[in-house]
Amino acid sequence: MTLIIVEIVNFLVLIVCVLIGVAFVTLLERKI
């Protein structure tokens, strides 16, 4: 059970990082 929870948390963190990266790139493109 613990390993499954760790995998889910890692997956969620990965998705959040991707969303933040996309938002950051979009803001940079709008500023330029």
PDB file of N, CA and C in Angstrom:
ATOM      1  N   MET A   1       0.844  -1.213   0.000  1.00  0.00           N
ATOM      2  CA  MET A   1       0.000   0.000   0.000  1.00  0.00           C
ATOM      3  C   MET A   1       0.874   1.257   0.000  1.00  0.00           C
ATOM      4  N   THR A   2       1.938   1.230   0.793  1.00  0.00           N
ATOM      5  CA  THR A   2       2.798   2.414   0.904  1.00  0.00           C
ATOM      6  C   THR A   2       3.415   2.766  -0.440  1.00  0.00           C
ATOM      7  N   LEU A   3       3.908   1.748  -1.158  1.00  0.00           N
ATOM      8  CA  LEU A   3       4.549   1.996  -2.456  1.00  0.00           C
ATOM      9  C   LEU A   3       3.559   2.624  -3.426  1.00  0.00           C
ATOM     10  N   ILE A   4       2.316   2.166  -3.395  1.00  0.00           N
ATOM     11  CA  ILE A   4       1.292   2.709  -4.301  1.00  0.00           C
ATOM     12  C   ILE A   4       1.059   4.192  -3.993  1.00  0.00           C
ATOM     13  N   ILE A   5       0.978   4.515  -2.712  1.00  0.00           N
ATOM     14  CA  ILE A   5       0.760   5.913  -2.310  1.00  0.00           C
ATOM     15  C   ILE A   5       1.929   6.777  -2.767  1.00  0.00           C
ATOM     16  N   VAL A   6       3.156   6.266  -2.603  1.00  0.00           N
ATOM     17  CA  VAL A   6       4.353   7.016  -3.016  1.00  0.00           C
ATOM     18  C   VAL A   6       4.324   7.258  -4.516  1.00  0.00           C
ATOM     19  N   GLU A   7       3.929   6.239  -5.290  1.00  0.00           N
ATOM     20  CA  GLU A   7       3.869   6.389  -6.748  1.00  0.00           C
ATOM     21  C   GLU A   7       2.833   7.430  -7.145  1.00  0.00           C
ATOM     22  N   ILE A   8       1.671   7.432  -6.463  1.00  0.00           N
ATOM     23  CA  ILE A   8       0.609   8.403  -6.767  1.00  0.00           C
ATOM     24  C   ILE A   8       1.095   9.814  -6.452  1.00  0.00           C
ATOM     25  N   VAL A   9       1.766   9.993  -5.306  1.00  0.00           N
ATOM     26  CA  VAL A   9       2.282  11.314  -4.922  1.00  0.00           C
ATOM     27  C   VAL A   9       3.303  11.790  -5.941  1.00  0.00           C
ATOM     28  N   ASN A  10       4.227  10.904  -6.341  1.00  0.00           N
ATOM     29  CA  ASN A  10       5.248  11.276  -7.332  1.00  0.00           C
ATOM     30  C   ASN A  10       4.592  11.667  -8.643  1.00  0.00           C
ATOM     31  N   PHE A  11       3.529  10.948  -9.043  1.00  0.00           N
ATOM     32  CA  PHE A  11       2.821  11.245 -10.292  1.00  0.00           C
ATOM     33  C   PHE A  11       2.165  12.620 -10.217  1.00  0.00           C
ATOM     34  N   LEU A  12       1.532  12.917  -9.074  1.00  0.00           N
ATOM     35  CA  LEU A  12       0.876  14.220  -8.906  1.00  0.00           C
ATOM     36  C   LEU A  12       1.901  15.346  -8.934  1.00  0.00           C
ATOM     37  N   VAL A  13       3.051  15.145  -8.280  1.00  0.00           N
ATOM     38  CA  VAL A  13       4.112  16.165  -8.263  1.00  0.00           C
ATOM     39  C   VAL A  13       4.603  16.409  -9.679  1.00  0.00           C
ATOM     40  N   LEU A  14       4.741  15.326 -10.459  1.00  0.00           N
ATOM     41  CA  LEU A  14       5.211  15.456 -11.845  1.00  0.00           C
ATOM     42  C   LEU A  14       4.227  16.288 -12.663  1.00  0.00           C
ATOM     43  N   ILE A  15       2.918  16.018 -12.484  1.00  0.00           N
ATOM     44  CA  ILE A  15       1.887  16.758 -13.227  1.00  0.00           C
ATOM     45  C   ILE A  15       1.926  18.240 -12.837  1.00  0.00           C
ATOM     46  N   VAL A  16       2.063  18.526 -11.542  1.00  0.00           N
ATOM     47  CA  VAL A  16       2.114  19.918 -11.074  1.00  0.00           C
ATOM     48  C   VAL A  16       3.319  20.633 -11.674  1.00  0.00           C
ATOM     49  N   CYS A  17       4.479  19.940 -11.694  1.00  0.00           N
ATOM     50  CA  CYS A  17       5.695  20.552 -12.258  1.00  0.00           C
ATOM     51  C   CYS A  17       5.487  20.869 -13.733  1.00  0.00           C
ATOM     52  N   VAL A  18       4.841  19.966 -14.466  1.00  0.00           N
ATOM     53  CA  VAL A  18       4.598  20.187 -15.894  1.00  0.00           C
ATOM     54  C   VAL A  18       3.672  21.389 -16.085  1.00  0.00           C
ATOM     55  N   LEU A  19       2.608  21.470 -15.287  1.00  0.00           N
ATOM     56  CA  LEU A  19       1.661  22.587 -15.406  1.00  0.00           C
ATOM     57  C   LEU A  19       2.348  23.913 -15.098  1.00  0.00           C
ATOM     58  N   ILE A  20       3.176  23.927 -14.050  1.00  0.00           N
ATOM     59  CA  ILE A  20       3.897  25.161 -13.689  1.00  0.00           C
ATOM     60  C   ILE A  20       4.847  25.548 -14.809  1.00  0.00           C
ATOM     61  N   GLY A  21       5.527  24.555 -15.399  1.00  0.00           N
ATOM     62  CA  GLY A  21       6.453  24.827 -16.504  1.00  0.00           C
ATOM     63  C   GLY A  21       5.721  25.418 -17.693  1.00  0.00           C
ATOM     64  N   VAL A  22       4.582  24.842 -18.052  1.00  0.00           N
ATOM     65  CA  VAL A  22       3.802  25.336 -19.194  1.00  0.00           C
ATOM     66  C   VAL A  22       3.317  26.761 -18.922  1.00  0.00           C
ATOM     67  N   ALA A  23       2.819  27.013 -17.717  1.00  0.00           N
ATOM     68  CA  ALA A  23       2.327  28.352 -17.362  1.00  0.00           C
ATOM     69  C   ALA A  23       3.474  29.360 -17.406  1.00  0.00           C
ATOM     70  N   PHE A  24       4.662  28.970 -16.911  1.00  0.00           N
ATOM     71  CA  PHE A  24       5.816  29.870 -16.898  1.00  0.00           C
ATOM     72  C   PHE A  24       6.228  30.228 -18.316  1.00  0.00           C
ATOM     73  N   VAL A  25       6.293  29.233 -19.193  1.00  0.00           N
ATOM     74  CA  VAL A  25       6.670  29.472 -20.592  1.00  0.00           C
ATOM     75  C   VAL A  25       5.638  30.379 -21.259  1.00  0.00           C
ATOM     76  N   THR A  26       4.359  30.152 -20.977  1.00  0.00           N
ATOM     77  CA  THR A  26       3.299  30.971 -21.573  1.00  0.00           C
ATOM     78  C   THR A  26       3.431  32.429 -21.133  1.00  0.00           C
ATOM     79  N   LEU A  27       3.721  32.642 -19.842  1.00  0.00           N
ATOM     80  CA  LEU A  27       3.892  34.015 -19.342  1.00  0.00           C
ATOM     81  C   LEU A  27       5.094  34.674 -20.003  1.00  0.00           C
ATOM     82  N   LEU A  28       6.184  33.931 -20.170  1.00  0.00           N
ATOM     83  CA  LEU A  28       7.382  34.491 -20.810  1.00  0.00           C
ATOM     84  C   LEU A  28       7.075  34.883 -22.248  1.00  0.00           C
ATOM     85  N   GLU A  29       6.316  34.036 -22.947  1.00  0.00           N
ATOM     86  CA  GLU A  29       5.985  34.326 -24.347  1.00  0.00           C
ATOM     87  C   GLU A  29       5.106  35.567 -24.440  1.00  0.00           C
ATOM     88  N   ARG A  30       4.229  35.760 -23.456  1.00  0.00           N
ATOM     89  CA  ARG A  30       3.344  36.933 -23.485  1.00  0.00           C
ATOM     90  C   ARG A  30       4.127  38.206 -23.203  1.00  0.00           C
ATOM     91  N   LYS A  31       5.107  38.140 -22.313  1.00  0.00           N
ATOM     92  CA  LYS A  31       5.905  39.328 -21.960  1.00  0.00           C
ATOM     93  C   LYS A  31       6.753  39.774 -23.141  1.00  0.00           C
ATOM     94  N   ILE A  32       7.345  38.813 -23.842  1.00  0.00           N
ATOM     95  CA  ILE A  32       8.245  39.148 -24.956  1.00  0.00           C
ATOM     96  C   ILE A  32       7.470  39.690 -26.151  1.00  0.00           C
TER      97      ILE A  32
END
